[in-house]
Amino acid sequence: MMHFCVDVMSNKSTEFFLSLFDKTPELRVLVFYRNNKYFLDILQESLSSTNPRIKAVELTDDFAQKTLKLTPRAYEYVVLVDILDGTNSEYLKELYHSLENSAHIIVLSKKSNLIDAYYIKELLDSNDFRAANEIDIFDDYYLVTAKKLHMWGAGL
């Protein structure tokens, strides 16, 4: 099991990551992660005063895509942590439909030779997410954000 070293992230990086989220009551966030709960933990801690509804789904070796059944338009944010590996982009289609119109997707991926930020942006674009943008704030992670825009792409 891989654990994320907290020392790798500076306070400024953490602050900037958390600034990507609206601090509104009952904020609905889906966090889909593999092995690394660090981002989930800091998100829960930071948003705790707003009574967020955060659903966490861990991708394990036993996890099958057919088990991913999400309610349409249920989330304002989806956060993917170490999920995309170049072979499993089918998750994005289900996640797309689980997002409200004009919702955000935030992809965090450990920097490796398998994929890079350009690949992530292309993957998001090919799955109808728009305004993909890399934000370079972490030494060990790519951070790419995008939006599901009303009346664009695969429908509402």
C-alpha atoms as a PDB file:
ATOM      1  CA  MET A   1       0.000   0.000   0.000  1.00  0.00           C
ATOM      2  CA  MET A   2       1.334   3.399  -0.965  1.00  0.00           C
ATOM      3  CA  HIS A   3       1.127   6.238   1.561  1.00  0.00           C
ATOM      4  CA  PHE A   4       1.567   9.876   0.700  1.00  0.00           C
ATOM      5  CA  CYS A   5       4.205  11.715   2.670  1.00  0.00           C
ATOM      6  CA  VAL A   6       2.649  14.852   4.121  1.00  0.00           C
ATOM      7  CA  ASP A   7       6.025  16.585   4.104  1.00  0.00           C
ATOM      8  CA  VAL A   8       5.992  16.612   0.289  1.00  0.00           C
ATOM      9  CA  MET A   9       3.126  19.123   0.225  1.00  0.00           C
ATOM     10  CA  SER A  10       3.781  22.626   1.388  1.00  0.00           C
ATOM     11  CA  ASN A  11       1.141  24.599   3.222  1.00  0.00           C
ATOM     12  CA  LYS A  12       0.823  26.873   0.182  1.00  0.00           C
ATOM     13  CA  SER A  13       0.154  23.888  -2.091  1.00  0.00           C
ATOM     14  CA  THR A  14      -2.460  22.555   0.302  1.00  0.00           C
ATOM     15  CA  GLU A  15      -4.104  25.988   0.592  1.00  0.00           C
ATOM     16  CA  PHE A  16      -4.244  26.357  -3.164  1.00  0.00           C
ATOM     17  CA  PHE A  17      -5.698  22.853  -3.610  1.00  0.00           C
ATOM     18  CA  LEU A  18      -8.405  23.609  -1.045  1.00  0.00           C
ATOM     19  CA  SER A  19      -9.174  26.954  -2.703  1.00  0.00           C
ATOM     20  CA  LEU A  20     -10.482  25.004  -5.709  1.00  0.00           C
ATOM     21  CA  PHE A  21     -13.571  24.073  -3.673  1.00  0.00           C
ATOM     22  CA  ASP A  22     -16.491  26.345  -2.868  1.00  0.00           C
ATOM     23  CA  LYS A  23     -17.112  26.452   0.869  1.00  0.00           C
ATOM     24  CA  THR A  24     -20.893  26.220   0.585  1.00  0.00           C
ATOM     25  CA  PRO A  25     -23.172  24.299   2.968  1.00  0.00           C
ATOM     26  CA  GLU A  26     -24.013  20.756   1.926  1.00  0.00           C
ATOM     27  CA  LEU A  27     -21.364  20.746  -0.810  1.00  0.00           C
ATOM     28  CA  ARG A  28     -21.534  17.399  -2.633  1.00  0.00           C
ATOM     29  CA  VAL A  29     -18.159  15.879  -3.492  1.00  0.00           C
ATOM     30  CA  LEU A  30     -17.186  12.454  -4.803  1.00  0.00           C
ATOM     31  CA  VAL A  31     -13.598  11.404  -4.101  1.00  0.00           C
ATOM     32  CA  PHE A  32     -12.449   8.389  -6.100  1.00  0.00           C
ATOM     33  CA  TYR A  33      -8.998   7.264  -4.980  1.00  0.00           C
ATOM     34  CA  ARG A  34      -6.442   4.444  -5.109  1.00  0.00           C
ATOM     35  CA  ASN A  35      -4.379   3.833  -1.923  1.00  0.00           C
ATOM     36  CA  ASN A  36      -3.861   7.532  -1.151  1.00  0.00           C
ATOM     37  CA  LYS A  37      -6.382   9.022   1.310  1.00  0.00           C
ATOM     38  CA  TYR A  38      -4.332  12.142   2.009  1.00  0.00           C
ATOM     39  CA  PHE A  39      -6.330  14.426  -0.293  1.00  0.00           C
ATOM     40  CA  LEU A  40      -9.611  12.989   1.007  1.00  0.00           C
ATOM     41  CA  ASP A  41      -8.529  13.596   4.602  1.00  0.00           C
ATOM     42  CA  ILE A  42      -7.509  17.234   4.083  1.00  0.00           C
ATOM     43  CA  LEU A  43     -10.687  17.894   2.103  1.00  0.00           C
ATOM     44  CA  GLN A  44     -12.898  16.460   4.853  1.00  0.00           C
ATOM     45  CA  GLU A  45     -11.046  18.434   7.493  1.00  0.00           C
ATOM     46  CA  SER A  46     -11.145  21.698   5.550  1.00  0.00           C
ATOM     47  CA  LEU A  47     -14.829  21.481   4.640  1.00  0.00           C
ATOM     48  CA  SER A  48     -16.072  20.074   7.959  1.00  0.00           C
ATOM     49  CA  SER A  49     -17.585  23.399   9.065  1.00  0.00           C
ATOM     50  CA  THR A  50     -19.845  23.517   5.997  1.00  0.00           C
ATOM     51  CA  ASN A  51     -21.380  20.072   6.614  1.00  0.00           C
ATOM     52  CA  PRO A  52     -20.295  18.630   3.264  1.00  0.00           C
ATOM     53  CA  ARG A  53     -21.638  15.438   1.748  1.00  0.00           C
ATOM     54  CA  ILE A  54     -18.454  13.675   0.695  1.00  0.00           C
ATOM     55  CA  LYS A  55     -18.650  10.189  -0.764  1.00  0.00           C
ATOM     56  CA  ALA A  56     -15.357   8.300  -0.922  1.00  0.00           C
ATOM     57  CA  VAL A  57     -14.827   5.334  -3.241  1.00  0.00           C
ATOM     58  CA  GLU A  58     -11.567   3.414  -3.121  1.00  0.00           C
ATOM     59  CA  LEU A  59     -10.386   1.687  -6.276  1.00  0.00           C
ATOM     60  CA  THR A  60      -8.986  -1.658  -5.202  1.00  0.00           C
ATOM     61  CA  ASP A  61      -7.730  -4.620  -7.199  1.00  0.00           C
ATOM     62  CA  ASP A  62     -11.128  -6.264  -6.708  1.00  0.00           C
ATOM     63  CA  PHE A  63     -13.060  -3.210  -7.866  1.00  0.00           C
ATOM     64  CA  ALA A  64     -14.907  -3.738 -11.147  1.00  0.00           C
ATOM     65  CA  GLN A  65     -16.206  -0.935 -13.319  1.00  0.00           C
ATOM     66  CA  LYS A  66     -19.652  -2.534 -13.366  1.00  0.00           C
ATOM     67  CA  THR A  67     -19.910  -1.821  -9.625  1.00  0.00           C
ATOM     68  CA  LEU A  68     -19.624   1.919 -10.266  1.00  0.00           C
ATOM     69  CA  LYS A  69     -23.250   3.023 -10.382  1.00  0.00           C
ATOM     70  CA  LEU A  70     -23.695   6.661  -9.471  1.00  0.00           C
ATOM     71  CA  THR A  71     -26.767   8.847  -9.226  1.00  0.00           C
ATOM     72  CA  PRO A  72     -27.055  11.288 -12.148  1.00  0.00           C
ATOM     73  CA  ARG A  73     -26.274  14.930 -11.324  1.00  0.00           C
ATOM     74  CA  ALA A  74     -25.510  14.122  -7.704  1.00  0.00           C
ATOM     75  CA  TYR A  75     -22.175  15.901  -7.253  1.00  0.00           C
ATOM     76  CA  GLU A  76     -20.735  19.380  -7.648  1.00  0.00           C
ATOM     77  CA  TYR A  77     -17.149  18.093  -7.603  1.00  0.00           C
ATOM     78  CA  VAL A  78     -15.452  14.832  -8.381  1.00  0.00           C
ATOM     79  CA  VAL A  79     -11.843  14.310  -7.326  1.00  0.00           C
ATOM     80  CA  LEU A  80      -9.798  11.491  -8.843  1.00  0.00           C
ATOM     81  CA  VAL A  81      -6.616  10.567  -6.967  1.00  0.00           C
ATOM     82  CA  ASP A  82      -4.281   8.128  -8.725  1.00  0.00           C
ATOM     83  CA  ILE A  83      -7.161   6.640 -10.726  1.00  0.00           C
ATOM     84  CA  LEU A  84      -6.237   7.266 -14.349  1.00  0.00           C
ATOM     85  CA  ASP A  85      -3.451   4.978 -15.471  1.00  0.00           C
ATOM     86  CA  GLY A  86      -3.867   4.952 -19.239  1.00  0.00           C
ATOM     87  CA  THR A  87      -6.123   1.883 -19.280  1.00  0.00           C
ATOM     88  CA  ASN A  88      -9.260   2.825 -17.365  1.00  0.00           C
ATOM     89  CA  SER A  89     -10.748   5.944 -18.910  1.00  0.00           C
ATOM     90  CA  GLU A  90     -14.183   4.262 -18.950  1.00  0.00           C
ATOM     91  CA  TYR A  91     -14.697   5.560 -15.402  1.00  0.00           C
ATOM     92  CA  LEU A  92     -14.930   9.089 -16.807  1.00  0.00           C
ATOM     93  CA  LYS A  93     -18.172   8.348 -18.665  1.00  0.00           C
ATOM     94  CA  GLU A  94     -19.987   7.277 -15.500  1.00  0.00           C
ATOM     95  CA  LEU A  95     -18.460  10.129 -13.520  1.00  0.00           C
ATOM     96  CA  TYR A  96     -19.552  12.637 -16.180  1.00  0.00           C
ATOM     97  CA  HIS A  97     -23.202  11.735 -15.699  1.00  0.00           C
ATOM     98  CA  SER A  98     -22.910  11.883 -11.914  1.00  0.00           C
ATOM     99  CA  LEU A  99     -21.955  15.571 -12.061  1.00  0.00           C
ATOM    100  CA  GLU A 100     -24.315  18.531 -12.024  1.00  0.00           C
ATOM    101  CA  ASN A 101     -24.194  20.887 -14.986  1.00  0.00           C
ATOM    102  CA  SER A 102     -21.187  23.221 -14.632  1.00  0.00           C
ATOM    103  CA  ALA A 103     -19.600  20.915 -12.048  1.00  0.00           C
ATOM    104  CA  HIS A 104     -15.858  20.440 -11.599  1.00  0.00           C
ATOM    105  CA  ILE A 105     -13.551  17.481 -12.016  1.00  0.00           C
ATOM    106  CA  ILE A 106     -10.159  17.543 -10.329  1.00  0.00           C
ATOM    107  CA  VAL A 107      -7.600  14.922 -11.311  1.00  0.00           C
ATOM    108  CA  LEU A 108      -4.532  14.262  -9.195  1.00  0.00           C
ATOM    109  CA  SER A 109      -2.100  11.773 -10.653  1.00  0.00           C
ATOM    110  CA  LYS A 110       1.320  10.779  -9.357  1.00  0.00           C
ATOM    111  CA  LYS A 111       3.959  11.945 -11.793  1.00  0.00           C
ATOM    112  CA  SER A 112       5.252   8.952 -13.719  1.00  0.00           C
ATOM    113  CA  ASN A 113       6.212   7.813 -17.173  1.00  0.00           C
ATOM    114  CA  LEU A 114       2.789   6.204 -17.722  1.00  0.00           C
ATOM    115  CA  ILE A 115       0.765   9.396 -18.115  1.00  0.00           C
ATOM    116  CA  ASP A 116       1.333  13.136 -17.965  1.00  0.00           C
ATOM    117  CA  ALA A 117      -0.795  16.260 -17.637  1.00  0.00           C
ATOM    118  CA  TYR A 118      -1.179  16.544 -21.425  1.00  0.00           C
ATOM    119  CA  TYR A 119      -2.600  13.003 -21.556  1.00  0.00           C
ATOM    120  CA  ILE A 120      -5.004  13.775 -18.710  1.00  0.00           C
ATOM    121  CA  LYS A 121      -6.237  16.957 -20.433  1.00  0.00           C
ATOM    122  CA  GLU A 122      -6.752  15.083 -23.717  1.00  0.00           C
ATOM    123  CA  LEU A 123      -8.593  12.299 -21.901  1.00  0.00           C
ATOM    124  CA  LEU A 124     -10.880  14.772 -20.152  1.00  0.00           C
ATOM    125  CA  ASP A 125     -11.563  16.598 -23.414  1.00  0.00           C
ATOM    126  CA  SER A 126     -12.381  13.365 -25.256  1.00  0.00           C
ATOM    127  CA  ASN A 127     -14.898  12.591 -22.501  1.00  0.00           C
ATOM    128  CA  ASP A 128     -16.672  15.954 -22.896  1.00  0.00           C
ATOM    129  CA  PHE A 129     -15.087  17.827 -20.003  1.00  0.00           C
ATOM    130  CA  ARG A 130     -14.112  21.364 -21.014  1.00  0.00           C
ATOM    131  CA  ALA A 131     -11.690  24.088 -19.947  1.00  0.00           C
ATOM    132  CA  ALA A 132      -9.070  21.556 -18.840  1.00  0.00           C
ATOM    133  CA  ASN A 133      -6.187  23.270 -17.102  1.00  0.00           C
ATOM    134  CA  GLU A 134      -3.014  21.996 -15.467  1.00  0.00           C
ATOM    135  CA  ILE A 135      -2.073  23.655 -12.189  1.00  0.00           C
ATOM    136  CA  ASP A 136       1.531  23.009 -11.216  1.00  0.00           C
ATOM    137  CA  ILE A 137       1.565  23.213  -7.420  1.00  0.00           C
ATOM    138  CA  PHE A 138       2.781  19.754  -6.361  1.00  0.00           C
ATOM    139  CA  ASP A 139       6.230  18.290  -6.928  1.00  0.00           C
ATOM    140  CA  ASP A 140       5.004  14.691  -7.092  1.00  0.00           C
ATOM    141  CA  TYR A 141       1.506  15.087  -8.548  1.00  0.00           C
ATOM    142  CA  TYR A 142      -0.100  16.410 -11.696  1.00  0.00           C
ATOM    143  CA  LEU A 143      -3.197  18.465 -10.905  1.00  0.00           C
ATOM    144  CA  VAL A 144      -5.634  18.980 -13.769  1.00  0.00           C
ATOM    145  CA  THR A 145      -9.040  20.615 -13.433  1.00  0.00           C
ATOM    146  CA  ALA A 146     -11.917  20.727 -15.914  1.00  0.00           C
ATOM    147  CA  LYS A 147     -15.644  21.409 -16.014  1.00  0.00           C
ATOM    148  CA  LYS A 148     -18.797  19.759 -17.193  1.00  0.00           C
ATOM    149  CA  LEU A 149     -20.457  22.586 -19.093  1.00  0.00           C
ATOM    150  CA  HIS A 150     -24.194  22.899 -19.695  1.00  0.00           C
ATOM    151  CA  MET A 151     -25.228  22.140 -23.291  1.00  0.00           C
ATOM    152  CA  TRP A 152     -21.747  20.866 -24.251  1.00  0.00           C
ATOM    153  CA  GLY A 153     -20.675  17.328 -24.957  1.00  0.00           C
ATOM    154  CA  ALA A 154     -22.607  14.215 -24.024  1.00  0.00           C
ATOM    155  CA  GLY A 155     -25.771  15.941 -22.941  1.00  0.00           C
ATOM    156  CA  LEU A 156     -27.160  16.888 -19.597  1.00  0.00           C
END
